[in-house]
Protein backbone atom coordinates (compact mmCIF):
# COMPACT_ATOMS: atom_id res chain seq x y z
CA MET A 1 -56.26 37.85 -13.48
CA ASN A 2 -55.50 41.13 -11.70
CA THR A 3 -56.18 43.75 -14.38
CA LYS A 4 -53.45 45.97 -12.91
CA LEU A 5 -51.00 43.45 -14.35
CA LEU A 6 -52.24 44.44 -17.80
CA ILE A 7 -52.01 48.21 -17.44
CA ALA A 8 -48.41 48.45 -18.40
CA SER A 9 -48.79 46.17 -21.36
CA ALA A 10 -50.22 49.44 -22.59
CA ALA A 11 -46.69 50.70 -22.60
CA ILE A 12 -44.95 48.32 -24.92
CA GLY A 13 -47.37 45.62 -25.85
CA SER A 14 -45.68 42.28 -26.29
CA MET A 15 -42.13 43.57 -25.85
CA ALA A 16 -39.76 43.14 -22.96
CA LEU A 17 -38.72 45.57 -20.28
CA SER A 18 -35.87 44.51 -18.02
CA PRO A 19 -35.58 47.49 -15.66
CA LEU A 20 -33.03 45.78 -13.45
CA CYS A 21 -31.01 44.45 -16.39
CA CYS A 22 -30.42 41.29 -14.40
CA GLU A 23 -33.73 39.44 -14.55
CA ALA A 24 -34.77 36.92 -17.18
CA GLN A 25 -36.18 38.73 -20.19
CA THR A 26 -39.94 39.01 -19.84
CA VAL A 27 -42.74 40.64 -21.75
CA ALA A 28 -44.12 43.99 -20.66
CA SER A 29 -47.42 42.63 -19.38
CA ASP A 30 -45.43 40.83 -16.70
CA SER A 31 -42.40 43.00 -16.03
CA VAL A 32 -44.17 46.34 -15.63
CA TYR A 33 -46.49 45.14 -12.87
CA GLN A 34 -44.26 46.67 -10.20
CA HIS A 35 -44.62 50.10 -11.82
CA ALA A 36 -48.36 49.94 -12.50
CA LYS A 37 -49.60 48.46 -9.23
CA GLY A 38 -52.28 50.65 -7.71
CA ASN A 39 -52.47 53.03 -10.65
CA ARG A 40 -55.01 53.12 -13.46
CA LEU A 41 -52.76 55.43 -15.44
CA SER A 42 -49.38 54.16 -16.67
CA VAL A 43 -46.73 56.60 -17.94
CA GLY A 44 -43.25 55.66 -19.11
CA GLY A 45 -40.83 55.58 -21.96
CA TYR A 46 -37.27 55.22 -23.13
CA GLY A 47 -34.69 57.23 -25.02
CA GLU A 48 -31.22 57.13 -26.54
CA VAL A 49 -28.58 59.73 -27.37
CA ALA A 50 -25.59 58.66 -29.45
CA MET A 51 -22.40 59.97 -31.03
CA THR A 52 -20.46 58.10 -33.72
CA ARG A 53 -17.18 58.65 -35.55
CA ASN A 54 -17.06 56.64 -38.77
CA PHE A 55 -13.61 56.03 -40.25
CA TYR A 56 -14.75 55.48 -43.83
CA SER A 57 -16.26 57.41 -46.71
CA ASP A 58 -19.89 58.45 -46.64
CA ASN A 59 -20.01 59.04 -50.40
CA ILE A 60 -23.11 57.49 -51.96
CA TYR A 61 -20.94 55.83 -54.64
CA ARG A 62 -18.50 54.14 -52.26
CA TYR A 63 -19.84 50.68 -53.19
CA ARG A 64 -19.93 51.43 -56.90
CA ASN A 65 -16.30 52.62 -57.03
CA PRO A 66 -14.70 51.42 -53.78
CA GLN A 67 -11.10 52.12 -54.76
CA THR A 68 -11.90 55.76 -55.54
CA TYR A 69 -13.16 56.42 -52.02
CA LYS A 70 -10.78 54.18 -50.08
CA ASN A 71 -8.80 57.05 -48.53
CA ASP A 72 -11.64 59.52 -48.00
CA PRO A 73 -11.76 61.22 -44.59
CA GLY A 74 -14.05 59.89 -41.89
CA HIS A 75 -17.13 61.64 -40.61
CA GLY A 76 -18.96 62.11 -37.32
CA ARG A 77 -22.61 62.14 -36.31
CA PHE A 78 -24.73 63.02 -33.29
CA ASP A 79 -28.13 61.39 -33.12
CA ILE A 80 -31.18 60.79 -30.98
CA PRO A 81 -32.21 57.42 -32.43
CA HIS A 82 -35.37 57.07 -30.36
CA ALA A 83 -37.27 59.06 -27.76
CA VAL A 84 -40.49 57.31 -26.75
CA ILE A 85 -43.47 58.14 -24.55
CA TYR A 86 -45.80 55.40 -23.26
CA LEU A 87 -49.32 56.15 -22.05
CA GLY A 88 -51.69 53.46 -20.85
CA TYR A 89 -54.95 53.37 -18.96
CA ASP A 90 -57.02 50.69 -17.22
CA PHE A 91 -60.73 51.32 -17.77
CA GLY A 92 -61.71 48.39 -15.58
CA LYS A 93 -63.51 45.10 -16.25
CA GLY A 94 -60.58 43.86 -18.32
CA TRP A 95 -60.49 46.81 -20.74
CA THR A 96 -57.18 48.63 -21.18
CA MET A 97 -55.71 51.11 -23.64
CA GLY A 98 -52.11 51.54 -24.77
CA THR A 99 -50.23 54.09 -26.85
CA GLU A 100 -46.63 54.58 -27.85
CA ILE A 101 -45.47 57.81 -29.46
CA GLU A 102 -41.98 57.68 -30.91
CA PHE A 103 -39.68 60.47 -32.05
CA GLU A 104 -36.93 59.08 -34.26
CA HIS A 105 -33.75 61.09 -34.85
CA GLY A 106 -35.21 64.07 -33.03
CA GLY A 107 -38.45 64.17 -35.00
CA ALA A 108 -39.27 66.04 -38.19
CA GLY A 109 -39.41 69.79 -38.50
CA SER A 110 -40.65 72.40 -40.97
CA ALA A 111 -41.21 76.14 -40.98
CA VAL A 112 -42.70 78.92 -43.12
CA GLU A 113 -40.27 81.75 -43.84
CA LYS A 114 -40.46 85.04 -45.76
CA GLU A 115 -37.71 85.08 -48.38
CA TRP A 116 -36.68 88.72 -48.72
CA GLU A 117 -34.13 87.88 -51.41
CA GLU A 118 -36.91 86.43 -53.59
CA GLY A 119 -39.37 89.31 -53.61
CA GLY A 120 -40.75 88.67 -50.14
CA GLU A 121 -42.34 85.36 -51.05
CA TRP A 122 -43.48 82.95 -48.36
CA GLU A 123 -41.77 79.55 -48.56
CA ALA A 124 -42.20 76.34 -46.63
CA GLU A 125 -38.87 74.76 -45.79
CA THR A 126 -37.82 71.48 -44.20
CA GLU A 127 -35.87 72.38 -41.08
CA LYS A 128 -34.63 68.92 -40.12
CA GLY A 129 -35.01 65.24 -40.87
CA GLY A 130 -36.51 62.60 -38.63
CA GLU A 131 -39.85 60.95 -37.93
CA VAL A 132 -42.70 61.19 -35.46
CA GLU A 133 -44.74 57.99 -35.36
CA LEU A 134 -47.68 56.58 -33.48
CA GLU A 135 -46.06 53.20 -33.03
CA GLN A 136 -48.83 51.70 -30.92
CA PHE A 137 -52.47 52.59 -30.33
CA TRP A 138 -54.79 49.83 -29.25
CA ILE A 139 -57.69 48.76 -27.06
CA GLN A 140 -57.42 45.42 -25.26
CA LYS A 141 -59.92 43.11 -23.63
CA SER A 142 -58.46 40.62 -21.14
CA PHE A 143 -60.36 37.48 -20.25
CA GLY A 144 -57.57 36.07 -18.12
CA ARG A 145 -53.85 35.41 -18.11
CA PHE A 146 -54.31 32.92 -20.93
CA ALA A 147 -56.49 35.02 -23.28
CA ASN A 148 -56.25 38.67 -24.34
CA ILE A 149 -57.49 40.35 -27.51
CA ARG A 150 -55.79 43.52 -28.70
CA MET A 151 -57.20 45.65 -31.54
CA GLY A 152 -55.54 48.64 -33.19
CA HIS A 153 -51.98 49.59 -34.13
CA ILE A 154 -49.64 46.96 -32.69
CA VAL A 155 -46.03 45.81 -32.79
CA VAL A 156 -45.36 42.77 -34.98
CA PRO A 157 -42.98 40.71 -32.76
CA VAL A 158 -41.03 38.88 -35.49
CA GLY A 159 -37.36 38.54 -34.58
CA LEU A 160 -35.48 39.40 -31.40
CA THR A 161 -35.17 43.14 -31.97
CA ASN A 162 -38.82 43.76 -32.77
CA ALA A 163 -40.04 41.80 -29.77
CA TYR A 164 -37.47 43.25 -27.34
CA HIS A 165 -36.27 46.53 -28.82
CA GLU A 166 -35.88 48.80 -25.78
CA PRO A 167 -32.28 50.09 -25.38
CA LEU A 168 -31.45 48.05 -22.27
CA ASN A 169 -32.16 44.87 -24.24
CA PHE A 170 -29.01 45.10 -26.38
CA PHE A 171 -25.39 46.04 -25.65
CA THR A 172 -24.57 48.02 -28.78
CA VAL A 173 -25.11 51.78 -28.94
CA TYR A 174 -27.57 51.36 -31.81
CA ARG A 175 -30.06 48.55 -32.29
CA PRO A 176 -28.61 45.30 -33.68
CA GLU A 177 -27.76 46.00 -37.28
CA GLY A 178 -28.68 42.77 -39.05
CA GLU A 179 -32.35 42.50 -38.13
CA GLY A 180 -32.71 46.27 -38.39
CA THR A 181 -31.48 46.10 -41.98
CA ILE A 182 -33.66 43.35 -43.45
CA LEU A 183 -36.87 43.74 -41.37
CA PRO A 184 -39.01 46.73 -40.44
CA CYS A 185 -37.71 47.91 -37.06
CA THR A 186 -39.67 48.53 -35.00
CA TRP A 187 -42.25 46.65 -37.08
CA HIS A 188 -45.71 48.02 -36.30
CA ASP A 189 -48.96 47.73 -38.18
CA THR A 190 -52.72 47.86 -37.73
CA GLY A 191 -54.64 44.68 -37.01
CA ILE A 192 -55.80 42.34 -34.28
CA SER A 193 -53.81 40.20 -31.86
CA PHE A 194 -54.63 37.28 -29.59
CA TRP A 195 -52.05 36.62 -26.87
CA GLY A 196 -51.69 34.98 -23.50
CA ARG A 197 -49.56 32.95 -21.13
CA SER A 198 -49.92 29.36 -20.02
CA GLY A 199 -47.36 27.66 -17.81
CA ASP A 200 -43.88 28.44 -19.12
CA PHE A 201 -45.12 29.71 -22.47
CA ARG A 202 -46.19 33.05 -23.86
CA TYR A 203 -47.92 32.99 -27.26
CA GLU A 204 -49.29 35.50 -29.74
CA LEU A 205 -51.12 35.36 -33.08
CA GLN A 206 -51.73 38.41 -35.26
CA VAL A 207 -53.58 39.42 -38.42
CA VAL A 208 -52.31 42.75 -39.75
CA ALA A 209 -52.33 44.85 -42.92
CA GLY A 210 -50.09 43.32 -45.59
CA LEU A 211 -46.70 44.51 -46.82
CA ASP A 212 -46.27 46.40 -50.09
CA ALA A 213 -43.80 44.77 -52.50
CA MET A 214 -43.38 48.05 -54.41
CA LEU A 215 -41.53 49.45 -51.37
CA PHE A 216 -39.00 46.60 -51.05
CA ASP A 217 -35.42 47.18 -52.18
CA ARG A 218 -31.88 45.82 -52.41
CA ASP A 219 -30.32 47.44 -49.35
CA ASN A 220 -33.11 46.78 -46.84
CA TRP A 221 -35.07 43.85 -48.32
CA ILE A 222 -38.68 44.18 -47.02
CA GLN A 223 -38.00 46.92 -44.46
CA GLY A 224 -39.86 49.67 -46.34
CA GLY A 225 -42.88 47.49 -47.08
CA ALA A 226 -44.54 48.04 -43.71
CA GLY A 227 -44.70 51.79 -44.15
CA THR A 228 -47.05 53.87 -46.24
CA PRO A 229 -46.59 57.18 -48.06
CA PHE A 230 -50.35 57.83 -47.77
CA GLU A 231 -52.64 59.05 -45.00
CA PHE A 232 -53.97 55.50 -44.70
CA LYS A 233 -52.55 51.98 -44.82
CA VAL A 234 -53.47 50.01 -47.93
CA ALA A 235 -54.92 46.62 -46.93
CA ASN A 236 -55.80 44.79 -50.12
CA LYS A 237 -53.71 41.92 -48.70
CA TYR A 238 -53.14 40.75 -45.14
CA GLY A 239 -50.22 39.41 -43.13
CA PHE A 240 -50.16 36.72 -40.44
CA ALA A 241 -47.60 36.73 -37.62
CA ALA A 242 -47.01 34.36 -34.72
CA ARG A 243 -44.63 34.20 -31.78
CA VAL A 244 -44.00 31.74 -28.92
CA ASP A 245 -41.60 32.31 -26.00
CA ASN A 246 -40.59 29.64 -23.49
CA TYR A 247 -39.24 30.32 -19.97
CA THR A 248 -38.86 26.77 -18.60
CA ILE A 249 -35.13 27.01 -17.80
CA PRO A 250 -34.38 29.68 -15.14
CA GLY A 251 -32.66 32.67 -16.71
CA LEU A 252 -33.28 31.46 -20.27
CA ARG A 253 -35.90 32.63 -22.74
CA ILE A 254 -36.21 30.95 -26.14
CA GLY A 255 -38.44 32.47 -28.82
CA LEU A 256 -39.72 31.32 -32.18
CA SER A 257 -41.53 33.71 -34.51
CA GLY A 258 -42.69 33.88 -38.11
CA TYR A 259 -44.64 35.78 -40.73
CA TYR A 260 -46.56 34.95 -43.91
CA GLY A 261 -48.36 37.20 -46.36
CA ARG A 262 -48.88 38.22 -49.99
CA THR A 263 -47.23 41.46 -50.98
CA MET A 264 -48.20 42.14 -54.61
CA HIS A 265 -51.32 44.11 -55.59
CA ASN A 266 -51.28 45.82 -52.21
CA THR A 267 -50.88 49.31 -53.63
CA PHE A 268 -52.87 52.50 -54.19
CA PRO A 269 -54.53 53.00 -56.54
CA HIS A 270 -55.45 49.36 -56.94
CA ASP A 271 -54.53 47.62 -60.23
CA THR A 272 -56.69 48.39 -63.21
CA GLU A 273 -58.26 45.37 -64.88
CA SER A 274 -55.60 45.29 -67.62
CA GLU A 275 -52.72 45.68 -65.15
CA GLY A 276 -54.20 43.01 -62.94
CA GLN A 277 -54.38 40.58 -65.84
CA VAL A 278 -50.78 41.18 -66.89
CA ASN A 279 -49.35 40.56 -63.39
CA LYS A 280 -52.16 38.57 -61.80
CA ASN A 281 -49.95 35.49 -61.31
CA VAL A 282 -47.26 37.50 -59.51
CA LYS A 283 -48.20 36.93 -55.86
CA GLY A 284 -45.10 38.01 -53.97
CA ASP A 285 -45.66 35.52 -51.16
CA ILE A 286 -43.29 36.15 -48.28
CA LEU A 287 -42.20 33.73 -45.55
CA ILE A 288 -40.03 34.72 -42.57
CA GLY A 289 -38.79 32.48 -39.77
CA ALA A 290 -36.81 33.63 -36.72
CA LEU A 291 -35.27 31.91 -33.71
CA ASP A 292 -33.89 33.91 -30.79
CA PHE A 293 -32.86 33.50 -27.17
CA THR A 294 -31.74 35.46 -24.12
CA TYR A 295 -29.74 33.97 -21.25
CA ASN A 296 -29.42 36.12 -18.12
CA ALA A 297 -27.81 34.41 -15.12
CA HIS A 298 -24.52 34.05 -13.22
CA ASN A 299 -23.52 37.61 -14.15
CA TRP A 300 -23.68 36.80 -17.86
CA ILE A 301 -26.08 38.08 -20.46
CA VAL A 302 -26.04 36.27 -23.81
CA ARG A 303 -28.42 37.02 -26.68
CA GLY A 304 -28.70 35.50 -30.12
CA ASN A 305 -30.90 35.49 -33.21
CA ALA A 306 -31.20 33.76 -36.58
CA ASP A 307 -33.61 35.13 -39.20
CA TYR A 308 -34.25 33.88 -42.71
CA GLY A 309 -36.72 35.16 -45.29
CA TYR A 310 -38.03 34.12 -48.69
CA LEU A 311 -39.81 36.29 -51.27
CA ALA A 312 -41.52 34.57 -54.19
CA ASP A 313 -41.36 36.22 -57.63
CA ALA A 314 -38.49 38.49 -56.56
CA ALA A 315 -37.06 38.87 -60.06
CA LYS A 316 -40.45 39.67 -61.59
CA ILE A 317 -41.28 42.12 -58.82
CA SER A 318 -37.95 43.86 -59.43
CA ASP A 319 -38.78 44.26 -63.12
CA ILE A 320 -42.25 45.62 -62.35
CA LYS A 321 -40.83 48.10 -59.83
CA SER A 322 -38.20 49.33 -62.26
CA ALA A 323 -40.79 49.95 -64.96
CA THR A 324 -43.23 51.63 -62.55
CA SER A 325 -40.88 53.94 -60.68
CA THR A 326 -40.78 57.62 -61.68
CA GLY A 327 -39.36 60.73 -60.08
CA SER A 328 -42.52 61.42 -58.05
CA SER A 329 -43.58 57.82 -57.45
CA PRO A 330 -43.19 56.25 -53.98
CA VAL A 331 -42.21 52.97 -55.70
CA LYS A 332 -38.58 52.01 -55.08
CA LYS A 333 -36.70 51.35 -58.30
CA ALA A 334 -33.93 49.17 -56.82
CA PRO A 335 -34.33 45.38 -57.21
CA VAL A 336 -35.27 43.14 -54.31
CA GLY A 337 -33.65 39.80 -53.52
CA LYS A 338 -35.25 36.38 -53.29
CA ASN A 339 -33.86 35.78 -49.81
CA ALA A 340 -32.39 37.66 -46.86
CA VAL A 341 -30.61 36.49 -43.72
CA ALA A 342 -29.48 37.93 -40.38
CA VAL A 343 -27.58 35.99 -37.71
CA GLY A 344 -26.18 37.56 -34.55
CA ILE A 345 -24.87 36.77 -31.08
CA GLU A 346 -23.64 38.95 -28.24
CA ALA A 347 -22.32 38.15 -24.77
CA GLY A 348 -21.47 40.37 -21.82
CA TYR A 349 -20.08 39.77 -18.34
CA ASN A 350 -20.76 42.03 -15.35
CA ILE A 351 -17.29 42.93 -14.06
CA PHE A 352 -18.70 44.75 -11.04
CA SER A 353 -20.20 41.49 -9.79
CA GLN A 354 -16.70 40.73 -8.45
CA ILE A 355 -16.46 44.03 -6.53
CA GLU A 356 -18.59 43.73 -3.40
CA LYS A 357 -19.16 47.44 -2.79
CA LEU A 358 -20.28 48.18 -6.36
CA ASN A 359 -22.31 44.98 -6.59
CA SER A 360 -24.24 45.80 -3.39
CA ALA A 361 -24.93 49.28 -4.80
CA ARG A 362 -26.48 47.58 -7.87
CA GLN A 363 -24.02 49.20 -10.22
CA LYS A 364 -23.00 47.11 -13.21
CA LEU A 365 -20.29 47.21 -15.85
CA PHE A 366 -20.68 44.77 -18.72
CA LEU A 367 -17.75 44.00 -20.97
CA PHE A 368 -19.30 42.68 -24.17
CA GLY A 369 -18.61 41.41 -27.64
CA ARG A 370 -20.96 41.02 -30.59
CA TYR A 371 -20.78 39.29 -33.97
CA GLU A 372 -23.35 39.31 -36.75
CA TYR A 373 -23.69 38.43 -40.39
CA TYR A 374 -26.46 39.70 -42.62
CA ASP A 375 -27.30 39.97 -46.30
CA SER A 376 -30.26 42.01 -47.53
CA TYR A 377 -29.99 40.81 -51.14
CA ILE A 378 -29.60 37.11 -51.92
CA LYS A 379 -30.54 37.13 -55.56
CA ALA A 380 -32.53 34.81 -57.78
CA LYS A 381 -30.53 33.16 -60.58
CA SER A 382 -31.63 35.68 -63.20
CA GLN A 383 -30.81 38.74 -61.11
CA THR A 384 -27.66 40.89 -61.08
CA ALA A 385 -25.27 40.33 -58.17
CA TYR A 386 -24.51 43.10 -55.66
CA ASN A 387 -21.91 41.60 -53.32
CA TYR A 388 -21.63 44.56 -50.96
CA THR A 389 -24.96 43.68 -49.31
CA GLY A 390 -23.40 40.71 -47.48
CA LYS A 391 -21.68 42.08 -44.38
CA GLN A 392 -20.06 40.81 -41.22
CA ARG A 393 -19.94 43.11 -38.21
CA MET A 394 -17.97 42.77 -34.99
CA ALA A 395 -18.19 45.03 -31.93
CA VAL A 396 -16.56 45.18 -28.50
CA GLY A 397 -17.38 47.60 -25.74
CA LEU A 398 -18.74 48.46 -22.31
CA ASN A 399 -22.15 49.09 -20.77
CA TYR A 400 -22.10 50.94 -17.43
CA TYR A 401 -25.23 51.02 -15.29
CA PRO A 402 -24.93 53.65 -12.51
CA ILE A 403 -28.55 52.83 -11.65
CA PRO A 404 -30.70 50.03 -13.10
CA GLN A 405 -32.70 52.23 -15.50
CA ILE A 406 -29.76 54.05 -17.15
CA ALA A 407 -26.92 52.69 -19.31
CA VAL A 408 -23.86 54.50 -20.60
CA LYS A 409 -22.55 52.65 -23.67
CA ALA A 410 -19.30 52.68 -25.62
CA GLU A 411 -18.12 50.45 -28.46
CA TYR A 412 -15.65 49.95 -31.25
CA SER A 413 -17.09 48.17 -34.27
CA GLN A 414 -16.16 47.25 -37.80
CA ARG A 415 -18.09 46.02 -40.81
CA PHE A 416 -16.21 43.53 -42.95
CA LEU A 417 -17.21 43.51 -46.63
CA LYS A 418 -16.18 41.24 -49.47
CA THR A 419 -13.34 42.22 -51.81
CA PRO A 420 -13.04 44.80 -53.42
CA TYR A 421 -15.17 46.79 -50.97
CA ASN A 422 -13.62 48.69 -48.06
CA ASN A 423 -14.19 47.72 -44.44
CA GLU A 424 -16.07 50.22 -42.27
CA PRO A 425 -14.72 50.82 -38.73
CA SER A 426 -16.36 53.19 -36.24
CA VAL A 427 -16.42 54.28 -32.60
CA SER A 428 -19.71 55.07 -30.83
CA ILE A 429 -20.76 56.27 -27.40
CA GLY A 430 -24.25 56.76 -26.05
CA VAL A 431 -26.54 56.97 -23.07
CA ALA A 432 -29.96 55.35 -22.76
CA TYR A 433 -32.76 55.00 -20.25
CA GLU A 434 -36.03 53.13 -19.89
CA GLY A 435 -38.54 53.18 -17.12
CA PHE A 436 -42.00 53.97 -15.83
CA PHE A 437 -42.94 57.04 -13.87
CA LEU A 438 -46.45 55.97 -12.87
């Protein structure tokens, strides 16, 4: 296998890049070849800027007392959801390196200031919210198209959004809401991966650090469990992920992915002997299955996903979390559900395909619609119900591509909640790019 083909897998690992937004969705190790050819160094990235006007209350108690906040004024937000830099290098003889540095919501900021009103004391202050993350950092050895081993910090490609999360891989201004609510997004962890391609199939198997059940909660199910509040990732338990994509039908990609792991007793400090005995039978086994597809042909792009997850011992874990959580503890006090689900589908048609001048200039204008249903808290029988977690969301809008690597997005969307909760309409606009410079 030409090792140059593998350079740009250093950019986004097992995820897709569709720089022309008209080709079948492919993984980075294939699609970035045109950018990396002839270069040992690969440099690229993507970014998004967004503005939203929400026509509903942002009060933290709006689900507890919905009628009280029904007529509250709306609110607006500017955001930089993601700004990402890829760096990759081909050392030769099948050895490559890949990194991804991500700034979420503009990155975090702090400063030291002299407070004259408080006797001239020096104080450290948080200047802004946000995150800076090393989302990928790995070394890879390639033995051929069919066999590659990647070691380090890698993306866990469970679900459509994690596997193909760059901004030109979805129509909405922000990433699809359902998967992004119940799963870590983008899900990245430290471990080892074996992946390759054979015929019409791409496959990947991973062993990574396990999730932490103490960081699960009601509103986001297992989303927080992949993170860590420490300077290291606790790995008392391990997780196992797998993904297979098929490209047999031209223009159609079908993917199947899953995850299994134990999530209890994966904390720091590790259980004392007495604590371990009390809760030793609480395993917190988690199982996730996901099916997704992308169809890109005849001026249509259609994408869909269905994700379902199961957490054993959810009620017991919720009780343990509630008893453990304190004001300074990283443990989340909110309960976690036994199951979670996210189902979504979106379809867009390129209107400019019918206008010869614009079509020949490779400009595109997609009129799209999206529907999704998700619930981050499907309770066990003994647990308290929280019906606001089950939401339907519908969106309609436009994606304009003046050039293949840039999209200007606009949408109207609304979340539909069960009675007595209030629906949540909003309008969003944004601009996004993705590409490689070397």
